[in-house]
């Protein structure tokens, strides 16, 4: 499950092509996040495209989202834990690294 609709959409599209037996010829280095997509593609190819299911979950969900049926308590809790783990992982690199990557992302160097 992912709170990124863009990831879920792209992953499902890639999976759909693979399920039809199409060989994917991409210049991974020329694609945004191509290194990650290449790893994803190779893993899906090695394990089988049928071994994967992409599901979108609401990120930063509230109780209101649950009551409206937008998400579930299980998805809310899972997304919270994923965000917490990402924060821990990011903090392992130190404050200066985090600031540098933020500025790089903003293209302010």
N, C-alpha and C. Protein backbone atom coordinates (compact mmCIF):
# COMPACT_ATOMS: atom_id res chain seq x y z
N UNK A 1 0.84 -1.17 0.00
CA UNK A 1 0.00 0.00 0.00
C UNK A 1 0.89 1.24 0.00
N UNK A 2 0.42 2.28 -0.66
CA UNK A 2 1.18 3.52 -0.74
C UNK A 2 0.21 4.69 -0.69
N UNK A 3 0.67 5.79 -0.11
CA UNK A 3 -0.15 7.00 -0.11
C UNK A 3 0.16 7.86 -1.33
N UNK A 4 0.92 7.33 -2.27
CA UNK A 4 1.24 8.04 -3.50
C UNK A 4 0.40 7.47 -4.65
N UNK A 5 -0.59 8.26 -5.08
CA UNK A 5 -1.41 7.81 -6.22
C UNK A 5 -0.57 7.67 -7.47
N UNK A 6 0.43 8.54 -7.62
CA UNK A 6 1.31 8.47 -8.80
C UNK A 6 2.05 7.13 -8.84
N UNK A 7 2.58 6.70 -7.68
CA UNK A 7 3.28 5.41 -7.64
C UNK A 7 2.32 4.27 -7.97
N UNK A 8 1.16 4.25 -7.32
CA UNK A 8 0.21 3.16 -7.53
C UNK A 8 -0.20 3.09 -9.00
N UNK A 9 -0.49 4.22 -9.61
CA UNK A 9 -0.89 4.26 -11.02
C UNK A 9 0.22 3.74 -11.92
N UNK A 10 1.43 4.23 -11.71
CA UNK A 10 2.55 3.82 -12.56
C UNK A 10 2.90 2.34 -12.35
N UNK A 11 2.87 1.89 -11.11
CA UNK A 11 3.17 0.49 -10.81
C UNK A 11 2.15 -0.44 -11.46
N UNK A 12 0.87 -0.07 -11.37
CA UNK A 12 -0.19 -0.89 -12.00
C UNK A 12 -0.03 -0.92 -13.51
N UNK A 13 0.35 0.21 -14.11
CA UNK A 13 0.52 0.27 -15.56
C UNK A 13 1.68 -0.63 -15.98
N UNK A 14 2.78 -0.56 -15.28
CA UNK A 14 3.94 -1.40 -15.58
C UNK A 14 3.56 -2.88 -15.41
N UNK A 15 2.86 -3.19 -14.34
CA UNK A 15 2.43 -4.55 -14.09
C UNK A 15 1.50 -5.05 -15.20
N UNK A 16 0.59 -4.21 -15.64
CA UNK A 16 -0.36 -4.58 -16.69
C UNK A 16 0.37 -4.95 -17.98
N UNK A 17 1.38 -4.15 -18.35
CA UNK A 17 2.17 -4.45 -19.54
C UNK A 17 2.91 -5.78 -19.39
N UNK A 18 3.45 -6.02 -18.22
CA UNK A 18 4.17 -7.26 -17.97
C UNK A 18 3.24 -8.46 -18.01
N UNK A 19 2.02 -8.32 -17.49
CA UNK A 19 1.05 -9.41 -17.51
C UNK A 19 0.64 -9.77 -18.93
N UNK A 20 0.72 -8.80 -19.84
CA UNK A 20 0.42 -9.06 -21.25
C UNK A 20 1.62 -9.65 -22.00
N UNK A 21 2.71 -9.88 -21.25
CA UNK A 21 3.89 -10.48 -21.85
C UNK A 21 4.80 -9.50 -22.57
N UNK A 22 4.55 -8.23 -22.38
CA UNK A 22 5.39 -7.23 -23.04
C UNK A 22 6.72 -7.08 -22.31
N UNK A 23 7.77 -6.98 -23.07
CA UNK A 23 9.09 -6.71 -22.50
C UNK A 23 9.24 -5.20 -22.42
N UNK A 24 9.62 -4.74 -21.27
CA UNK A 24 9.74 -3.30 -21.04
C UNK A 24 11.16 -2.86 -21.41
N UNK A 25 11.23 -1.97 -22.38
CA UNK A 25 12.51 -1.39 -22.78
C UNK A 25 12.49 0.08 -22.39
N UNK A 26 13.06 0.37 -21.27
CA UNK A 26 13.09 1.75 -20.79
C UNK A 26 14.53 2.18 -20.61
N UNK A 27 14.78 3.44 -20.82
CA UNK A 27 16.07 4.04 -20.48
C UNK A 27 15.90 4.57 -19.06
N UNK A 28 16.07 3.68 -18.08
CA UNK A 28 15.77 3.98 -16.70
C UNK A 28 16.47 5.23 -16.20
N UNK A 29 17.69 5.46 -16.67
CA UNK A 29 18.45 6.62 -16.18
C UNK A 29 17.87 7.95 -16.66
N UNK A 30 17.00 7.91 -17.65
CA UNK A 30 16.41 9.12 -18.19
C UNK A 30 15.02 9.40 -17.61
N UNK A 31 14.56 8.52 -16.75
CA UNK A 31 13.22 8.65 -16.16
C UNK A 31 13.35 9.17 -14.74
N UNK A 32 12.42 10.01 -14.34
CA UNK A 32 12.39 10.49 -12.96
C UNK A 32 12.29 9.30 -12.02
N UNK A 33 13.18 9.22 -11.05
CA UNK A 33 13.27 8.08 -10.13
C UNK A 33 13.52 6.76 -10.86
N UNK A 34 14.17 6.85 -11.99
CA UNK A 34 14.42 5.67 -12.83
C UNK A 34 15.19 4.57 -12.12
N UNK A 35 16.11 4.94 -11.24
CA UNK A 35 16.86 3.91 -10.52
C UNK A 35 15.93 3.07 -9.65
N UNK A 36 14.96 3.72 -9.02
CA UNK A 36 14.00 3.00 -8.19
C UNK A 36 13.03 2.17 -9.03
N UNK A 37 12.58 2.72 -10.16
CA UNK A 37 11.69 1.98 -11.04
C UNK A 37 12.39 0.77 -11.67
N UNK A 38 13.66 0.92 -11.96
CA UNK A 38 14.40 -0.21 -12.52
C UNK A 38 14.47 -1.36 -11.49
N UNK A 39 14.74 -1.03 -10.24
CA UNK A 39 14.75 -2.05 -9.18
C UNK A 39 13.37 -2.69 -9.04
N UNK A 40 12.34 -1.87 -9.07
CA UNK A 40 10.96 -2.37 -8.96
C UNK A 40 10.66 -3.32 -10.12
N UNK A 41 11.00 -2.92 -11.33
CA UNK A 41 10.74 -3.73 -12.52
C UNK A 41 11.48 -5.07 -12.43
N UNK A 42 12.74 -5.03 -12.05
CA UNK A 42 13.53 -6.26 -11.96
C UNK A 42 12.97 -7.20 -10.89
N UNK A 43 12.53 -6.64 -9.77
CA UNK A 43 11.94 -7.46 -8.71
C UNK A 43 10.63 -8.09 -9.18
N UNK A 44 9.81 -7.30 -9.85
CA UNK A 44 8.53 -7.80 -10.36
C UNK A 44 8.76 -8.88 -11.42
N UNK A 45 9.75 -8.67 -12.24
CA UNK A 45 10.08 -9.64 -13.29
C UNK A 45 10.59 -10.95 -12.66
N UNK A 46 11.44 -10.84 -11.66
CA UNK A 46 12.01 -12.03 -11.02
C UNK A 46 10.96 -12.82 -10.25
N UNK A 47 10.07 -12.12 -9.58
CA UNK A 47 9.09 -12.78 -8.72
C UNK A 47 7.82 -13.14 -9.48
N UNK A 48 7.45 -12.39 -10.47
CA UNK A 48 6.25 -12.54 -11.30
C UNK A 48 5.33 -11.35 -11.08
N UNK A 49 4.81 -10.81 -12.17
CA UNK A 49 3.92 -9.65 -12.04
C UNK A 49 2.64 -9.97 -11.26
N UNK A 50 2.29 -11.25 -11.15
CA UNK A 50 1.08 -11.61 -10.40
C UNK A 50 1.31 -11.60 -8.90
N UNK A 51 2.56 -11.45 -8.47
CA UNK A 51 2.89 -11.50 -7.04
C UNK A 51 2.71 -10.16 -6.34
N UNK A 52 2.26 -9.16 -7.06
CA UNK A 52 2.22 -7.79 -6.55
C UNK A 52 0.82 -7.22 -6.68
N UNK A 53 0.40 -6.48 -5.66
CA UNK A 53 -0.86 -5.74 -5.71
C UNK A 53 -0.62 -4.36 -5.13
N UNK A 54 -0.91 -3.34 -5.91
CA UNK A 54 -0.75 -1.96 -5.47
C UNK A 54 -2.09 -1.43 -4.99
N UNK A 55 -2.06 -0.85 -3.79
CA UNK A 55 -3.26 -0.28 -3.20
C UNK A 55 -2.94 1.13 -2.72
N UNK A 56 -3.84 2.08 -3.02
CA UNK A 56 -3.65 3.45 -2.54
C UNK A 56 -4.31 3.57 -1.17
N UNK A 57 -3.62 4.25 -0.26
CA UNK A 57 -4.20 4.59 1.05
C UNK A 57 -4.08 6.09 1.27
N UNK A 58 -5.00 6.63 2.01
CA UNK A 58 -4.99 8.06 2.32
C UNK A 58 -3.85 8.37 3.28
N UNK A 59 -2.98 9.26 2.89
CA UNK A 59 -1.89 9.68 3.77
C UNK A 59 -2.39 10.72 4.77
N UNK A 60 -1.83 10.73 5.97
CA UNK A 60 -2.15 11.69 7.02
C UNK A 60 -3.67 11.73 7.28
N UNK A 61 -4.25 10.55 7.32
CA UNK A 61 -5.71 10.44 7.50
C UNK A 61 -6.13 10.88 8.90
N UNK A 62 -7.35 11.35 8.96
CA UNK A 62 -7.95 11.76 10.23
C UNK A 62 -9.15 10.84 10.51
N UNK A 63 -9.72 10.99 11.70
CA UNK A 63 -10.93 10.21 12.04
C UNK A 63 -12.07 10.56 11.08
N UNK A 64 -12.09 11.79 10.62
CA UNK A 64 -13.13 12.21 9.66
C UNK A 64 -13.00 11.42 8.35
N UNK A 65 -11.77 11.18 7.89
CA UNK A 65 -11.56 10.38 6.67
C UNK A 65 -12.09 8.96 6.86
N UNK A 66 -11.90 8.43 8.06
CA UNK A 66 -12.40 7.08 8.35
C UNK A 66 -13.92 7.06 8.36
N UNK A 67 -14.53 8.04 9.03
CA UNK A 67 -16.00 8.08 9.11
C UNK A 67 -16.64 8.30 7.75
N UNK A 68 -15.93 8.97 6.84
CA UNK A 68 -16.46 9.19 5.49
C UNK A 68 -16.17 8.02 4.55
N UNK A 69 -15.43 7.02 5.05
CA UNK A 69 -15.14 5.85 4.23
C UNK A 69 -13.99 6.04 3.25
N UNK A 70 -13.23 7.11 3.41
CA UNK A 70 -12.11 7.38 2.52
C UNK A 70 -10.96 6.42 2.82
N UNK A 71 -10.83 6.05 4.08
CA UNK A 71 -9.78 5.11 4.50
C UNK A 71 -10.31 4.29 5.66
N UNK A 72 -9.46 3.39 6.15
CA UNK A 72 -9.83 2.56 7.29
C UNK A 72 -8.86 2.83 8.43
N UNK A 73 -9.23 2.37 9.61
CA UNK A 73 -8.34 2.51 10.77
C UNK A 73 -7.04 1.76 10.53
N UNK A 74 -7.11 0.61 9.90
CA UNK A 74 -5.91 -0.20 9.62
C UNK A 74 -4.98 0.55 8.67
N UNK A 75 -5.53 1.13 7.61
CA UNK A 75 -4.70 1.89 6.66
C UNK A 75 -4.12 3.14 7.32
N UNK A 76 -4.92 3.81 8.16
CA UNK A 76 -4.43 4.99 8.87
C UNK A 76 -3.24 4.63 9.75
N UNK A 77 -3.38 3.54 10.51
CA UNK A 77 -2.31 3.11 11.40
C UNK A 77 -1.07 2.69 10.61
N UNK A 78 -1.28 1.97 9.52
CA UNK A 78 -0.15 1.54 8.69
C UNK A 78 0.59 2.71 8.08
N UNK A 79 -0.15 3.70 7.60
CA UNK A 79 0.49 4.88 7.01
C UNK A 79 1.24 5.67 8.06
N UNK A 80 0.69 5.77 9.26
CA UNK A 80 1.37 6.46 10.35
C UNK A 80 2.70 5.79 10.66
N UNK A 81 2.70 4.46 10.74
CA UNK A 81 3.94 3.72 11.05
C UNK A 81 4.95 3.86 9.91
N UNK A 82 4.49 3.86 8.66
CA UNK A 82 5.39 4.04 7.52
C UNK A 82 6.04 5.43 7.56
N UNK A 83 5.25 6.44 7.87
CA UNK A 83 5.79 7.81 7.99
C UNK A 83 6.79 7.90 9.14
N UNK A 84 6.48 7.24 10.24
CA UNK A 84 7.37 7.25 11.41
C UNK A 84 8.70 6.58 11.07
N UNK A 85 8.63 5.45 10.37
CA UNK A 85 9.86 4.76 9.97
C UNK A 85 10.68 5.60 9.00
N UNK A 86 10.02 6.30 8.09
CA UNK A 86 10.73 7.17 7.15
C UNK A 86 11.41 8.32 7.89
N UNK A 87 10.72 8.89 8.88
CA UNK A 87 11.33 9.97 9.67
C UNK A 87 12.56 9.47 10.43
N UNK A 88 12.48 8.27 10.98
CA UNK A 88 13.62 7.70 11.69
C UNK A 88 14.78 7.49 10.72
N UNK A 89 14.48 6.93 9.56
CA UNK A 89 15.52 6.70 8.55
C UNK A 89 16.17 8.00 8.11
N UNK A 90 15.37 9.01 7.90
CA UNK A 90 15.91 10.31 7.47
C UNK A 90 16.76 10.93 8.57
N UNK A 91 16.37 10.74 9.82
CA UNK A 91 17.12 11.35 10.92
C UNK A 91 18.48 10.69 11.12
N UNK A 92 18.65 9.48 10.65
CA UNK A 92 19.93 8.79 10.79
C UNK A 92 21.05 9.47 10.00
N UNK A 93 20.69 10.27 9.02
CA UNK A 93 21.68 10.94 8.18
C UNK A 93 22.14 12.28 8.76
N UNK A 94 21.47 12.76 9.77
CA UNK A 94 21.88 14.00 10.40
C UNK A 94 21.18 15.22 9.84
N UNK A 95 21.20 16.27 10.63
CA UNK A 95 20.49 17.50 10.29
C UNK A 95 21.08 18.21 9.07
N UNK A 96 22.40 18.24 8.95
CA UNK A 96 23.02 18.91 7.81
C UNK A 96 22.66 18.23 6.49
N UNK A 97 22.66 16.91 6.49
CA UNK A 97 22.29 16.17 5.29
C UNK A 97 20.84 16.47 4.92
N UNK A 98 19.96 16.48 5.92
CA UNK A 98 18.55 16.75 5.66
C UNK A 98 18.36 18.15 5.07
N UNK A 99 19.08 19.13 5.61
CA UNK A 99 18.98 20.50 5.08
C UNK A 99 19.51 20.58 3.65
N UNK A 100 20.62 19.89 3.39
CA UNK A 100 21.20 19.92 2.05
C UNK A 100 20.26 19.29 1.03
N UNK A 101 19.65 18.16 1.38
CA UNK A 101 18.74 17.51 0.43
C UNK A 101 17.48 18.34 0.22
N UNK A 102 17.03 19.01 1.27
CA UNK A 102 15.85 19.87 1.12
C UNK A 102 16.17 21.02 0.16
N UNK A 103 17.32 21.63 0.34
CA UNK A 103 17.71 22.74 -0.55
C UNK A 103 17.90 22.24 -1.98
N UNK A 104 18.50 21.07 -2.10
CA UNK A 104 18.68 20.51 -3.45
C UNK A 104 17.33 20.27 -4.10
N UNK A 105 16.40 19.76 -3.31
CA UNK A 105 15.05 19.53 -3.83
C UNK A 105 14.35 20.81 -4.24
N UNK A 106 14.66 21.88 -3.55
CA UNK A 106 14.10 23.19 -3.88
C UNK A 106 14.90 23.90 -4.96
N UNK A 107 16.03 23.31 -5.31
CA UNK A 107 16.96 23.84 -6.32
C UNK A 107 17.60 25.15 -5.86
N UNK A 108 17.75 25.30 -4.53
CA UNK A 108 18.41 26.48 -3.97
C UNK A 108 19.76 25.99 -3.40
N UNK A 109 20.82 26.28 -4.08
CA UNK A 109 22.12 25.80 -3.61
C UNK A 109 23.00 26.94 -3.21
